[in-house]
Amino acid sequence: MFRAYGELLREYGFDLPALIPQVYLHYDPSTRSRRREPGPLPRQRMDFLLLMRGRWRLVIECDGKQHYAEDDGRASPRRYAEMVAADRELHLAGYEVVRFGGAEFQSQEQSLPMLRRYFTRLFIAHGYPLESAA
């Protein structure tokens, strides 16, 4: 994730949004002021937070099988339902959640071009000028 983002940062400069790793969303002052319930969010630690213009916040998750399977490796509809319910709560708290599957990161040859394409399209869609992007 950082390598793909870093390549874009080197190419386009520091006008890109900030990518922050291992974020505890409960401590975000914007989230704290909007929440009605005290205490931490149900799933407060996210893999990455991308701070975009206009206070738009994108949570990026890289999901291993612990997100959808029990310890024995069997699929768990309960665990998956808990995860997507927490995503809905994050959405109501002002965050958008994007998930990548762990299988997408089996090799850098596969993941770097995919992430670079994703970030490029995301930044262009949100009005960040990437002059040499196609």
Protein backbone atom coordinates (compact mmCIF):
# COMPACT_ATOMS: atom_id res chain seq x y z
CA MET A 1 0.00 0.00 0.00
CA PHE A 2 2.71 2.46 1.04
CA ARG A 3 4.93 1.59 -1.90
CA ALA A 4 2.19 2.25 -4.47
CA TYR A 5 1.17 5.46 -2.71
CA GLY A 6 4.82 6.54 -2.39
CA GLU A 7 5.38 6.10 -6.12
CA LEU A 8 2.45 8.42 -6.83
CA LEU A 9 3.65 10.89 -4.22
CA ARG A 10 7.11 11.03 -5.83
CA GLU A 11 5.56 11.46 -9.25
CA TYR A 12 2.87 14.06 -8.43
CA GLY A 13 4.13 15.79 -5.30
CA PHE A 14 2.75 16.58 -1.90
CA ASP A 15 -0.63 17.88 -3.05
CA LEU A 16 -2.02 14.36 -2.79
CA PRO A 17 -4.14 13.37 0.23
CA ALA A 18 -2.37 12.04 3.33
CA LEU A 19 -2.30 8.25 3.77
CA ILE A 20 -2.04 7.40 7.47
CA PRO A 21 -1.45 3.81 8.69
CA GLN A 22 -2.94 2.05 11.74
CA VAL A 23 -5.50 4.71 12.63
CA TYR A 24 -7.58 4.66 15.79
CA LEU A 25 -10.69 6.44 14.55
CA HIS A 26 -12.09 6.95 18.02
CA TYR A 27 -9.44 9.61 18.56
CA ASP A 28 -10.33 11.61 15.43
CA PRO A 29 -11.74 14.92 16.82
CA SER A 30 -14.21 15.13 13.92
CA THR A 31 -15.61 11.69 14.75
CA ARG A 32 -15.73 12.40 18.49
CA SER A 33 -17.77 15.55 18.07
CA ARG A 34 -20.41 13.86 15.85
CA ARG A 35 -20.89 10.66 17.83
CA ARG A 36 -23.79 10.37 20.24
CA GLU A 37 -22.58 7.31 22.09
CA PRO A 38 -19.55 7.51 24.39
CA GLY A 39 -16.65 5.11 24.14
CA PRO A 40 -14.77 3.53 21.26
CA LEU A 41 -16.20 2.67 17.88
CA PRO A 42 -17.04 -1.03 17.48
CA ARG A 43 -14.01 -1.52 15.21
CA GLN A 44 -11.92 1.52 15.82
CA ARG A 45 -8.51 0.47 14.43
CA MET A 46 -8.31 0.66 10.68
CA ASP A 47 -5.41 -0.29 8.44
CA PHE A 48 -5.21 3.07 6.65
CA LEU A 49 -6.99 6.41 6.62
CA LEU A 50 -6.83 8.64 3.56
CA LEU A 51 -7.62 12.29 4.34
CA MET A 52 -9.20 13.85 1.27
CA ARG A 53 -10.36 17.40 0.53
CA GLY A 54 -13.56 18.65 2.05
CA ARG A 55 -13.15 16.57 5.22
CA TRP A 56 -13.85 13.41 3.21
CA ARG A 57 -12.26 10.44 4.96
CA LEU A 58 -11.61 7.09 3.34
CA VAL A 59 -10.82 4.05 5.47
CA ILE A 60 -8.80 1.42 3.60
CA GLU A 61 -8.82 -2.11 4.94
CA CYS A 62 -6.63 -5.01 3.78
CA ASP A 63 -8.63 -8.05 4.84
CA GLY A 64 -7.09 -11.35 5.76
CA LYS A 65 -9.28 -14.34 6.44
CA GLN A 66 -9.72 -13.31 10.08
CA HIS A 67 -12.36 -10.91 8.72
CA TYR A 68 -14.58 -13.65 7.32
CA ALA A 69 -13.49 -16.99 8.85
CA GLU A 70 -13.32 -18.66 12.23
CA ASP A 71 -9.99 -19.71 13.75
CA ASP A 72 -10.36 -23.12 12.10
CA GLY A 73 -10.51 -21.46 8.66
CA ARG A 74 -14.21 -22.13 8.02
CA ALA A 75 -16.28 -19.29 6.59
CA SER A 76 -18.20 -17.43 9.27
CA PRO A 77 -21.36 -15.59 8.22
CA ARG A 78 -21.53 -14.19 11.77
CA ARG A 79 -18.04 -12.70 11.62
CA TYR A 80 -18.67 -11.24 8.18
CA ALA A 81 -21.99 -9.75 9.33
CA GLU A 82 -20.27 -8.13 12.33
CA MET A 83 -17.69 -6.60 10.01
CA VAL A 84 -20.19 -5.11 7.57
CA ALA A 85 -22.37 -3.85 10.45
CA ALA A 86 -19.32 -2.02 11.82
CA ASP A 87 -18.67 -0.62 8.31
CA ARG A 88 -22.19 0.80 8.28
CA GLU A 89 -21.53 2.48 11.63
CA LEU A 90 -18.33 3.99 10.24
CA HIS A 91 -20.31 5.27 7.28
CA LEU A 92 -22.77 6.97 9.63
CA ALA A 93 -19.80 8.48 11.49
CA GLY A 94 -18.61 10.12 8.25
CA TYR A 95 -16.19 7.56 6.81
CA GLU A 96 -16.26 5.61 3.59
CA VAL A 97 -14.77 2.12 3.82
CA VAL A 98 -12.93 0.42 0.96
CA ARG A 99 -11.78 -3.16 1.40
CA PHE A 100 -9.07 -5.10 -0.38
CA GLY A 101 -8.84 -8.86 -0.06
CA GLY A 102 -5.65 -10.39 1.25
CA ALA A 103 -5.34 -12.47 -1.93
CA GLU A 104 -4.79 -9.22 -3.86
CA PHE A 105 -1.46 -8.84 -2.06
CA GLN A 106 0.14 -12.20 -2.87
CA SER A 107 2.91 -10.52 -4.84
CA GLN A 108 4.16 -7.01 -5.47
CA GLU A 109 4.00 -7.67 -9.21
CA GLN A 110 0.24 -8.07 -8.81
CA SER A 111 -0.54 -5.58 -6.05
CA LEU A 112 1.54 -2.53 -7.03
CA PRO A 113 -0.09 -1.94 -10.46
CA MET A 114 -3.57 -2.63 -9.02
CA LEU A 115 -3.08 -0.17 -6.14
CA ARG A 116 -1.52 2.43 -8.39
CA ARG A 117 -4.52 2.23 -10.76
CA TYR A 118 -6.93 2.47 -7.83
CA PHE A 119 -5.24 5.49 -6.25
CA THR A 120 -4.88 7.24 -9.61
CA ARG A 121 -8.56 6.79 -10.46
CA LEU A 122 -9.59 7.80 -6.92
CA PHE A 123 -7.52 10.98 -6.95
CA ILE A 124 -8.71 11.99 -10.43
CA ALA A 125 -12.35 11.35 -9.40
CA HIS A 126 -11.85 13.71 -6.46
CA GLY A 127 -10.28 16.48 -8.49
CA TYR A 128 -6.61 16.02 -7.70
CA PRO A 129 -4.60 17.12 -10.76
CA LEU A 130 -2.54 14.21 -12.01
CA GLU A 131 -1.36 15.72 -15.29
CA SER A 132 0.50 12.71 -16.65
CA ALA A 133 -2.14 10.18 -15.50
CA ALA A 134 -4.03 8.34 -18.19
